C-alpha atoms as a PDB file:
ATOM      1  CA  UNK A   1     -11.897  14.122  14.567  1.00  0.00           C
ATOM      2  CA  UNK A   2     -11.908  15.902  11.138  1.00  0.00           C
ATOM      3  CA  UNK A   3     -14.910  15.489   8.843  1.00  0.00           C
ATOM      4  CA  UNK A   4     -12.794  14.804   5.621  1.00  0.00           C
ATOM      5  CA  UNK A   5     -14.757  16.212   2.645  1.00  0.00           C
ATOM      6  CA  UNK A   6     -13.627  16.567  -1.203  1.00  0.00           C
ATOM      7  CA  UNK A   7     -11.765  19.983  -1.811  1.00  0.00           C
ATOM      8  CA  UNK A   8     -10.915  20.661   1.827  1.00  0.00           C
ATOM      9  CA  UNK A   9      -7.131  21.044   2.593  1.00  0.00           C
ATOM     10  CA  UNK A  10      -5.297  19.691   5.205  1.00  0.00           C
ATOM     11  CA  UNK A  11      -1.791  19.500   6.520  1.00  0.00           C
ATOM     12  CA  UNK A  12      -0.261  15.754   6.950  1.00  0.00           C
ATOM     13  CA  UNK A  13       2.697  13.690   7.715  1.00  0.00           C
ATOM     14  CA  UNK A  14       3.618  11.179   5.104  1.00  0.00           C
ATOM     15  CA  UNK A  15       4.082   8.157   6.959  1.00  0.00           C
ATOM     16  CA  UNK A  16       4.529   5.590   4.577  1.00  0.00           C
ATOM     17  CA  UNK A  17       4.553   4.078   1.032  1.00  0.00           C
ATOM     18  CA  UNK A  18       1.636   1.627   0.556  1.00  0.00           C
ATOM     19  CA  UNK A  19       1.520  -1.220  -2.359  1.00  0.00           C
ATOM     20  CA  UNK A  20       0.982   0.157  -5.479  1.00  0.00           C
ATOM     21  CA  UNK A  21       3.467   3.300  -4.979  1.00  0.00           C
ATOM     22  CA  UNK A  22       1.229   5.797  -3.325  1.00  0.00           C
ATOM     23  CA  UNK A  23       2.024   7.357  -0.262  1.00  0.00           C
ATOM     24  CA  UNK A  24      -0.071   7.143   2.981  1.00  0.00           C
ATOM     25  CA  UNK A  25      -0.934   9.757   5.483  1.00  0.00           C
ATOM     26  CA  UNK A  26      -3.691   9.946   8.347  1.00  0.00           C
ATOM     27  CA  UNK A  27      -6.144  12.613   9.290  1.00  0.00           C
ATOM     28  CA  UNK A  28      -6.898  10.956  12.814  1.00  0.00           C
ATOM     29  CA  UNK A  29      -7.358   7.180  11.987  1.00  0.00           C
ATOM     30  CA  UNK A  30      -8.707   7.893   8.513  1.00  0.00           C
ATOM     31  CA  UNK A  31      -6.292   6.946   5.723  1.00  0.00           C
ATOM     32  CA  UNK A  32      -5.320   9.316   2.868  1.00  0.00           C
ATOM     33  CA  UNK A  33      -3.320   8.001  -0.313  1.00  0.00           C
ATOM     34  CA  UNK A  34      -1.115  10.425  -2.042  1.00  0.00           C
ATOM     35  CA  UNK A  35       0.737  10.293  -5.362  1.00  0.00           C
ATOM     36  CA  UNK A  36       4.301  11.395  -5.447  1.00  0.00           C
ATOM     37  CA  UNK A  37       4.882  12.137  -2.122  1.00  0.00           C
ATOM     38  CA  UNK A  38       7.901  10.763   0.501  1.00  0.00           C
ATOM     39  CA  UNK A  39       7.528   9.367   3.987  1.00  0.00           C
ATOM     40  CA  UNK A  40       8.600  11.892   6.315  1.00  0.00           C
ATOM     41  CA  UNK A  41       7.393  15.063   4.363  1.00  0.00           C
ATOM     42  CA  UNK A  42       4.715  17.089   5.866  1.00  0.00           C
ATOM     43  CA  UNK A  43       2.391  18.617   3.264  1.00  0.00           C
ATOM     44  CA  UNK A  44      -0.414  20.599   2.798  1.00  0.00           C
ATOM     45  CA  UNK A  45      -2.734  18.235   0.735  1.00  0.00           C
ATOM     46  CA  UNK A  46      -6.331  19.074  -1.003  1.00  0.00           C
ATOM     47  CA  UNK A  47      -8.541  16.274  -0.527  1.00  0.00           C
ATOM     48  CA  UNK A  48      -9.653  15.127  -4.346  1.00  0.00           C
ATOM     49  CA  UNK A  49     -11.861  12.087  -3.348  1.00  0.00           C
ATOM     50  CA  UNK A  50     -13.410  10.659  -0.484  1.00  0.00           C
ATOM     51  CA  UNK A  51     -14.712   7.253  -0.154  1.00  0.00           C
ATOM     52  CA  UNK A  52     -16.048   5.325   3.212  1.00  0.00           C
ATOM     53  CA  UNK A  53     -12.908   3.762   4.183  1.00  0.00           C
ATOM     54  CA  UNK A  54     -10.349   6.041   2.773  1.00  0.00           C
ATOM     55  CA  UNK A  55      -9.504   9.194   1.076  1.00  0.00           C
ATOM     56  CA  UNK A  56      -7.213  10.646  -2.113  1.00  0.00           C
ATOM     57  CA  UNK A  57      -5.225  13.911  -2.247  1.00  0.00           C
ATOM     58  CA  UNK A  58      -3.003  15.768  -4.258  1.00  0.00           C
ATOM     59  CA  UNK A  59       0.049  17.722  -2.472  1.00  0.00           C
ATOM     60  CA  UNK A  60      -0.272  21.132  -2.592  1.00  0.00           C
ATOM     61  CA  UNK A  61       2.659  22.116  -1.125  1.00  0.00           C
ATOM     62  CA  UNK A  62       5.606  20.377   0.595  1.00  0.00           C
ATOM     63  CA  UNK A  63       5.893  22.403   4.039  1.00  0.00           C
ATOM     64  CA  UNK A  64       9.131  20.263   5.355  1.00  0.00           C
ATOM     65  CA  UNK A  65      10.767  17.930   3.109  1.00  0.00           C
ATOM     66  CA  UNK A  66      11.810  14.334   3.762  1.00  0.00           C
ATOM     67  CA  UNK A  67      15.794  13.327   4.348  1.00  0.00           C
ATOM     68  CA  UNK A  68      14.962  10.493   1.732  1.00  0.00           C
ATOM     69  CA  UNK A  69      13.944  12.901  -0.819  1.00  0.00           C
ATOM     70  CA  UNK A  70      16.174  13.232  -3.804  1.00  0.00           C
ATOM     71  CA  UNK A  71      15.201  15.470  -6.900  1.00  0.00           C
ATOM     72  CA  UNK A  72      14.164  12.954  -9.779  1.00  0.00           C
ATOM     73  CA  UNK A  73      16.307  12.596 -12.759  1.00  0.00           C
ATOM     74  CA  UNK A  74      13.957  12.333 -15.442  1.00  0.00           C
ATOM     75  CA  UNK A  75      12.153  15.745 -16.754  1.00  0.00           C
ATOM     76  CA  UNK A  76       9.038  13.642 -17.163  1.00  0.00           C
ATOM     77  CA  UNK A  77       8.546  12.260 -13.695  1.00  0.00           C
ATOM     78  CA  UNK A  78       5.242  12.829 -12.538  1.00  0.00           C
ATOM     79  CA  UNK A  79       3.747  13.352 -16.029  1.00  0.00           C
ATOM     80  CA  UNK A  80       4.082  10.066 -17.760  1.00  0.00           C
ATOM     81  CA  UNK A  81       3.190   7.723 -14.835  1.00  0.00           C
ATOM     82  CA  UNK A  82       6.147   5.226 -15.815  1.00  0.00           C
ATOM     83  CA  UNK A  83       7.812   5.281 -12.357  1.00  0.00           C
ATOM     84  CA  UNK A  84       6.406   6.248  -9.044  1.00  0.00           C
ATOM     85  CA  UNK A  85       9.344   6.678  -6.390  1.00  0.00           C
ATOM     86  CA  UNK A  86      12.025   8.313  -8.570  1.00  0.00           C
ATOM     87  CA  UNK A  87      12.068  10.962  -6.016  1.00  0.00           C
ATOM     88  CA  UNK A  88      13.192   8.656  -3.308  1.00  0.00           C
ATOM     89  CA  UNK A  89      16.471   7.757  -2.541  1.00  0.00           C
ATOM     90  CA  UNK A  90      17.320   4.437  -4.220  1.00  0.00           C
ATOM     91  CA  UNK A  91      18.179   2.458  -0.699  1.00  0.00           C
ATOM     92  CA  UNK A  92      14.656   3.575   0.644  1.00  0.00           C
ATOM     93  CA  UNK A  93      13.076   1.967  -2.217  1.00  0.00           C
ATOM     94  CA  UNK A  94      14.529  -1.053  -2.037  1.00  0.00           C
ATOM     95  CA  UNK A  95      13.880  -1.089   1.757  1.00  0.00           C
ATOM     96  CA  UNK A  96      10.088  -0.040   1.397  1.00  0.00           C
ATOM     97  CA  UNK A  97       9.862  -2.819  -1.422  1.00  0.00           C
ATOM     98  CA  UNK A  98      11.307  -4.909   0.937  1.00  0.00           C
ATOM     99  CA  UNK A  99       8.793  -4.282   3.449  1.00  0.00           C
ATOM    100  CA  UNK A 100       5.647  -4.512   1.305  1.00  0.00           C
ATOM    101  CA  UNK A 101       6.666  -8.015   0.320  1.00  0.00           C
ATOM    102  CA  UNK A 102       7.100  -9.171   3.825  1.00  0.00           C
ATOM    103  CA  UNK A 103       3.845  -7.307   4.941  1.00  0.00           C
ATOM    104  CA  UNK A 104       2.075  -9.437   1.420  1.00  0.00           C
ATOM    105  CA  UNK A 105       3.296 -12.469   2.639  1.00  0.00           C
ATOM    106  CA  UNK A 106       2.506 -12.142   5.772  1.00  0.00           C
ATOM    107  CA  UNK A 107      -1.045 -11.654   4.908  1.00  0.00           C
ATOM    108  CA  UNK A 108      -1.271 -14.332   2.563  1.00  0.00           C
ATOM    109  CA  UNK A 109      -0.416 -16.439   5.627  1.00  0.00           C
ATOM    110  CA  UNK A 110      -3.294 -15.280   7.695  1.00  0.00           C
END
């Protein structure tokens, strides 16, 4: 297991999209949340914050691109914060939103 620390760089495979628009990757079993990452990407990530149960990171470089990636159409994407999934094919956006609703409804039933 790698000891995750703020400021370190790691290579990660983005697994999924978490509720709220952030992407989720792991170092071993330790979760790392990323902004503006797409499931299927392999990226070099700088850890920007370390909490007890998770870390946050910033994509320094995409090492291999996801087949679900699309070029954002808005020139302010990634700067203004108004949209978080514009770099993901629309059909994939809908699929992930559907999965998140199912996951939330299952959590509510437990």
